[in-house]
Amino acid sequence: MKRTSTIAAAIGLSLALAACGGKGDDKLGEQVQEAAENKADKMDAMADNMSGTAEDMMQANADATREAGDAKEEAIDDADVNADALTPAERAKIVNGN
């Protein structure tokens, strides 16, 4: 549920920023996707130390995290976000999903 809220907030922020008519920056979307990939890699490593249902659940979470990162990247790219107009704090919030 928290992950869904974070994704919705990031997409909403991306769409709101798109209304400003700024030029897009694919780097921001790539950073978001890379952050999700790194998080998913950590989950995969944790799953390697588990077995049974716990391992399966952790791997499913890793897969969902990767998919969410891909969706965020696509939403940011489609929204044509002007990343140069964002403050460092705003960029960090989008990338880290906080």
N, C-alpha and C. Protein backbone atom coordinates (compact mmCIF):
# COMPACT_ATOMS: atom_id res chain seq x y z
N MET A 1 0.83 -1.18 0.00
CA MET A 1 0.00 0.00 0.00
C MET A 1 0.88 1.25 0.00
N LYS A 2 1.91 1.25 0.85
CA LYS A 2 2.81 2.40 0.91
C LYS A 2 3.52 2.58 -0.43
N ARG A 3 3.92 1.47 -1.05
CA ARG A 3 4.61 1.53 -2.33
C ARG A 3 3.69 2.11 -3.39
N THR A 4 2.42 1.72 -3.36
CA THR A 4 1.45 2.22 -4.32
C THR A 4 1.25 3.72 -4.14
N SER A 5 1.19 4.16 -2.89
CA SER A 5 1.04 5.59 -2.62
C SER A 5 2.25 6.37 -3.11
N THR A 6 3.43 5.82 -2.91
CA THR A 6 4.66 6.48 -3.35
C THR A 6 4.68 6.59 -4.87
N ILE A 7 4.30 5.53 -5.54
CA ILE A 7 4.27 5.54 -7.00
C ILE A 7 3.26 6.57 -7.50
N ALA A 8 2.09 6.58 -6.88
CA ALA A 8 1.06 7.53 -7.30
C ALA A 8 1.52 8.96 -7.07
N ALA A 9 2.20 9.21 -5.96
CA ALA A 9 2.69 10.56 -5.67
C ALA A 9 3.74 10.98 -6.69
N ALA A 10 4.65 10.08 -7.02
CA ALA A 10 5.69 10.40 -7.99
C ALA A 10 5.09 10.68 -9.36
N ILE A 11 4.12 9.88 -9.75
CA ILE A 11 3.48 10.08 -11.04
C ILE A 11 2.70 11.40 -11.03
N GLY A 12 2.00 11.65 -9.93
CA GLY A 12 1.25 12.90 -9.82
C GLY A 12 2.15 14.10 -9.88
N LEU A 13 3.28 14.04 -9.17
CA LEU A 13 4.25 15.13 -9.20
C LEU A 13 4.79 15.31 -10.60
N SER A 14 5.08 14.21 -11.26
CA SER A 14 5.59 14.27 -12.63
C SER A 14 4.59 14.93 -13.57
N LEU A 15 3.34 14.56 -13.43
CA LEU A 15 2.32 15.13 -14.30
C LEU A 15 2.09 16.61 -13.98
N ALA A 16 2.16 16.96 -12.71
CA ALA A 16 1.99 18.36 -12.34
C ALA A 16 3.13 19.20 -12.91
N LEU A 17 4.32 18.67 -12.86
CA LEU A 17 5.46 19.39 -13.41
C LEU A 17 5.38 19.51 -14.93
N ALA A 18 4.75 18.55 -15.55
CA ALA A 18 4.62 18.59 -17.01
C ALA A 18 3.76 19.76 -17.46
N ALA A 19 2.83 20.17 -16.62
CA ALA A 19 1.96 21.28 -16.96
C ALA A 19 2.74 22.58 -17.09
N CYS A 20 3.93 22.63 -16.52
CA CYS A 20 4.76 23.83 -16.60
C CYS A 20 5.37 24.00 -17.99
N GLY A 21 5.29 23.00 -18.83
CA GLY A 21 5.80 23.09 -20.19
C GLY A 21 7.31 23.02 -20.28
N GLY A 22 7.95 22.45 -19.27
CA GLY A 22 9.40 22.37 -19.27
C GLY A 22 9.92 21.33 -20.23
N LYS A 23 11.21 21.39 -20.46
CA LYS A 23 11.84 20.39 -21.31
C LYS A 23 12.17 19.17 -20.46
N GLY A 24 12.00 18.00 -21.05
CA GLY A 24 12.22 16.76 -20.32
C GLY A 24 13.69 16.47 -20.10
N ASP A 25 13.94 15.69 -19.10
CA ASP A 25 15.29 15.25 -18.80
C ASP A 25 15.22 13.75 -18.52
N ASP A 26 15.64 12.96 -19.50
CA ASP A 26 15.59 11.52 -19.34
C ASP A 26 16.47 11.02 -18.21
N LYS A 27 17.46 11.82 -17.82
CA LYS A 27 18.36 11.40 -16.74
C LYS A 27 17.60 11.20 -15.44
N LEU A 28 16.61 12.04 -15.16
CA LEU A 28 15.85 11.91 -13.93
C LEU A 28 15.10 10.58 -13.92
N GLY A 29 14.46 10.24 -15.01
CA GLY A 29 13.76 8.97 -15.10
C GLY A 29 14.71 7.79 -14.95
N GLU A 30 15.89 7.92 -15.55
CA GLU A 30 16.89 6.85 -15.44
C GLU A 30 17.37 6.71 -14.00
N GLN A 31 17.52 7.83 -13.29
CA GLN A 31 17.95 7.78 -11.90
C GLN A 31 16.90 7.09 -11.02
N VAL A 32 15.63 7.37 -11.30
CA VAL A 32 14.55 6.73 -10.55
C VAL A 32 14.57 5.23 -10.80
N GLN A 33 14.71 4.84 -12.05
CA GLN A 33 14.73 3.42 -12.40
C GLN A 33 15.94 2.74 -11.77
N GLU A 34 17.08 3.39 -11.79
CA GLU A 34 18.30 2.81 -11.23
C GLU A 34 18.18 2.65 -9.71
N ALA A 35 17.56 3.62 -9.05
CA ALA A 35 17.36 3.50 -7.59
C ALA A 35 16.47 2.30 -7.27
N ALA A 36 15.43 2.10 -8.07
CA ALA A 36 14.55 0.94 -7.86
C ALA A 36 15.31 -0.36 -8.13
N GLU A 37 16.12 -0.36 -9.16
CA GLU A 37 16.91 -1.55 -9.50
C GLU A 37 17.88 -1.90 -8.36
N ASN A 38 18.53 -0.88 -7.79
CA ASN A 38 19.44 -1.12 -6.67
C ASN A 38 18.72 -1.70 -5.46
N LYS A 39 17.53 -1.15 -5.19
CA LYS A 39 16.73 -1.66 -4.07
C LYS A 39 16.33 -3.11 -4.33
N ALA A 40 15.93 -3.41 -5.56
CA ALA A 40 15.52 -4.77 -5.91
C ALA A 40 16.70 -5.74 -5.83
N ASP A 41 17.89 -5.28 -6.22
CA ASP A 41 19.08 -6.13 -6.11
C ASP A 41 19.36 -6.50 -4.65
N LYS A 42 19.16 -5.54 -3.75
CA LYS A 42 19.34 -5.84 -2.32
C LYS A 42 18.32 -6.86 -1.84
N MET A 43 17.10 -6.74 -2.34
CA MET A 43 16.07 -7.72 -1.98
C MET A 43 16.43 -9.11 -2.50
N ASP A 44 16.97 -9.17 -3.72
CA ASP A 44 17.40 -10.45 -4.28
C ASP A 44 18.49 -11.07 -3.42
N ALA A 45 19.42 -10.24 -2.96
CA ALA A 45 20.51 -10.74 -2.11
C ALA A 45 19.95 -11.27 -0.79
N MET A 46 18.96 -10.58 -0.24
CA MET A 46 18.33 -11.05 1.00
C MET A 46 17.59 -12.36 0.75
N ALA A 47 16.94 -12.47 -0.40
CA ALA A 47 16.20 -13.68 -0.74
C ALA A 47 17.14 -14.88 -0.84
N ASP A 48 18.38 -14.63 -1.28
CA ASP A 48 19.35 -15.72 -1.38
C ASP A 48 19.66 -16.35 -0.03
N ASN A 49 19.42 -15.60 1.04
CA ASN A 49 19.67 -16.11 2.39
C ASN A 49 18.42 -16.67 3.04
N MET A 50 17.35 -16.78 2.28
CA MET A 50 16.08 -17.29 2.78
C MET A 50 15.73 -18.58 2.06
N SER A 51 14.65 -19.18 2.49
CA SER A 51 14.16 -20.37 1.79
C SER A 51 12.64 -20.41 1.87
N GLY A 52 12.07 -21.23 1.03
CA GLY A 52 10.63 -21.45 1.05
C GLY A 52 9.82 -20.22 0.70
N THR A 53 8.72 -20.05 1.43
CA THR A 53 7.79 -18.96 1.17
C THR A 53 8.43 -17.59 1.35
N ALA A 54 9.27 -17.45 2.37
CA ALA A 54 9.92 -16.16 2.62
C ALA A 54 10.77 -15.75 1.43
N GLU A 55 11.50 -16.71 0.86
CA GLU A 55 12.33 -16.43 -0.31
C GLU A 55 11.46 -16.02 -1.50
N ASP A 56 10.38 -16.76 -1.70
CA ASP A 56 9.48 -16.45 -2.82
C ASP A 56 8.87 -15.07 -2.68
N MET A 57 8.48 -14.72 -1.46
CA MET A 57 7.88 -13.41 -1.22
C MET A 57 8.89 -12.28 -1.45
N MET A 58 10.12 -12.48 -1.01
CA MET A 58 11.15 -11.46 -1.18
C MET A 58 11.47 -11.28 -2.66
N GLN A 59 11.52 -12.37 -3.40
CA GLN A 59 11.78 -12.26 -4.84
C GLN A 59 10.62 -11.58 -5.55
N ALA A 60 9.39 -11.85 -5.11
CA ALA A 60 8.23 -11.18 -5.69
C ALA A 60 8.28 -9.69 -5.40
N ASN A 61 8.70 -9.32 -4.19
CA ASN A 61 8.85 -7.91 -3.85
C ASN A 61 9.91 -7.24 -4.72
N ALA A 62 11.00 -7.95 -4.96
CA ALA A 62 12.07 -7.42 -5.81
C ALA A 62 11.54 -7.19 -7.23
N ASP A 63 10.79 -8.15 -7.74
CA ASP A 63 10.22 -8.01 -9.08
C ASP A 63 9.25 -6.83 -9.14
N ALA A 64 8.42 -6.68 -8.11
CA ALA A 64 7.46 -5.57 -8.07
C ALA A 64 8.19 -4.22 -7.99
N THR A 65 9.30 -4.19 -7.26
CA THR A 65 10.08 -2.96 -7.14
C THR A 65 10.68 -2.58 -8.49
N ARG A 66 11.18 -3.57 -9.22
CA ARG A 66 11.71 -3.28 -10.56
C ARG A 66 10.62 -2.75 -11.49
N GLU A 67 9.46 -3.39 -11.45
CA GLU A 67 8.35 -2.97 -12.30
C GLU A 67 7.90 -1.55 -11.94
N ALA A 68 7.87 -1.23 -10.65
CA ALA A 68 7.48 0.11 -10.22
C ALA A 68 8.50 1.13 -10.69
N GLY A 69 9.77 0.78 -10.63
CA GLY A 69 10.82 1.68 -11.11
C GLY A 69 10.70 1.95 -12.60
N ASP A 70 10.40 0.90 -13.35
CA ASP A 70 10.21 1.06 -14.79
C ASP A 70 9.01 1.95 -15.08
N ALA A 71 7.92 1.76 -14.32
CA ALA A 71 6.71 2.55 -14.52
C ALA A 71 6.97 4.02 -14.18
N LYS A 72 7.71 4.26 -13.10
CA LYS A 72 8.03 5.65 -12.73
C LYS A 72 8.89 6.30 -13.81
N GLU A 73 9.88 5.56 -14.30
CA GLU A 73 10.75 6.11 -15.35
C GLU A 73 9.92 6.51 -16.56
N GLU A 74 9.02 5.62 -16.96
CA GLU A 74 8.19 5.90 -18.13
C GLU A 74 7.28 7.10 -17.88
N ALA A 75 6.71 7.20 -16.69
CA ALA A 75 5.82 8.32 -16.38
C ALA A 75 6.59 9.64 -16.40
N ILE A 76 7.79 9.63 -15.85
CA ILE A 76 8.60 10.85 -15.85
C ILE A 76 8.98 11.24 -17.27
N ASP A 77 9.40 10.27 -18.06
CA ASP A 77 9.77 10.56 -19.44
C ASP A 77 8.56 11.05 -20.25
N ASP A 78 7.41 10.42 -20.05
CA ASP A 78 6.21 10.83 -20.77
C ASP A 78 5.74 12.22 -20.34
N ALA A 79 5.97 12.57 -19.07
CA ALA A 79 5.53 13.85 -18.55
C ALA A 79 6.42 15.00 -19.01
N ASP A 80 7.57 14.69 -19.57
CA ASP A 80 8.49 15.72 -20.06
C ASP A 80 8.88 16.68 -18.94
N VAL A 81 9.31 16.11 -17.81
CA VAL A 81 9.67 16.88 -16.63
C VAL A 81 10.91 17.72 -16.90
N ASN A 82 10.88 18.97 -16.48
CA ASN A 82 12.04 19.84 -16.58
C ASN A 82 12.85 19.66 -15.31
N ALA A 83 13.73 18.70 -15.30
CA ALA A 83 14.50 18.38 -14.11
C ALA A 83 15.43 19.51 -13.70
N ASP A 84 15.84 20.33 -14.64
CA ASP A 84 16.70 21.45 -14.30
C ASP A 84 15.99 22.48 -13.43
N ALA A 85 14.66 22.53 -13.50
CA ALA A 85 13.89 23.49 -12.71
C ALA A 85 13.63 22.98 -11.29
N LEU A 86 13.93 21.72 -11.04
CA LEU A 86 13.71 21.14 -9.72
C LEU A 86 14.86 21.48 -8.78
N THR A 87 14.54 21.62 -7.51
CA THR A 87 15.59 21.79 -6.51
C THR A 87 16.23 20.43 -6.27
N PRO A 88 17.42 20.40 -5.72
CA PRO A 88 18.03 19.11 -5.39
C PRO A 88 17.15 18.27 -4.47
N ALA A 89 16.47 18.91 -3.55
CA ALA A 89 15.59 18.18 -2.63
C ALA A 89 14.41 17.55 -3.38
N GLU A 90 13.85 18.28 -4.36
CA GLU A 90 12.75 17.74 -5.14
C GLU A 90 13.21 16.57 -5.99
N ARG A 91 14.40 16.70 -6.60
CA ARG A 91 14.93 15.58 -7.41
C ARG A 91 15.16 14.36 -6.53
N ALA A 92 15.75 14.58 -5.35
CA ALA A 92 16.02 13.46 -4.44
C ALA A 92 14.72 12.79 -4.01
N LYS A 93 13.69 13.58 -3.80
CA LYS A 93 12.39 13.02 -3.38
C LYS A 93 11.81 12.14 -4.48
N ILE A 94 11.95 12.58 -5.72
CA ILE A 94 11.44 11.78 -6.83
C ILE A 94 12.26 10.51 -7.00
N VAL A 95 13.56 10.64 -6.97
CA VAL A 95 14.44 9.49 -7.18
C VAL A 95 14.29 8.46 -6.06
N ASN A 96 14.24 8.93 -4.82
CA ASN A 96 14.19 8.01 -3.68
C ASN A 96 12.78 7.59 -3.31
N GLY A 97 11.78 8.22 -3.91
CA GLY A 97 10.40 7.85 -3.60
C GLY A 97 9.96 8.21 -2.21
N ASN A 98 10.56 9.20 -1.63
CA ASN A 98 10.18 9.63 -0.27
C ASN A 98 9.08 10.65 -0.29
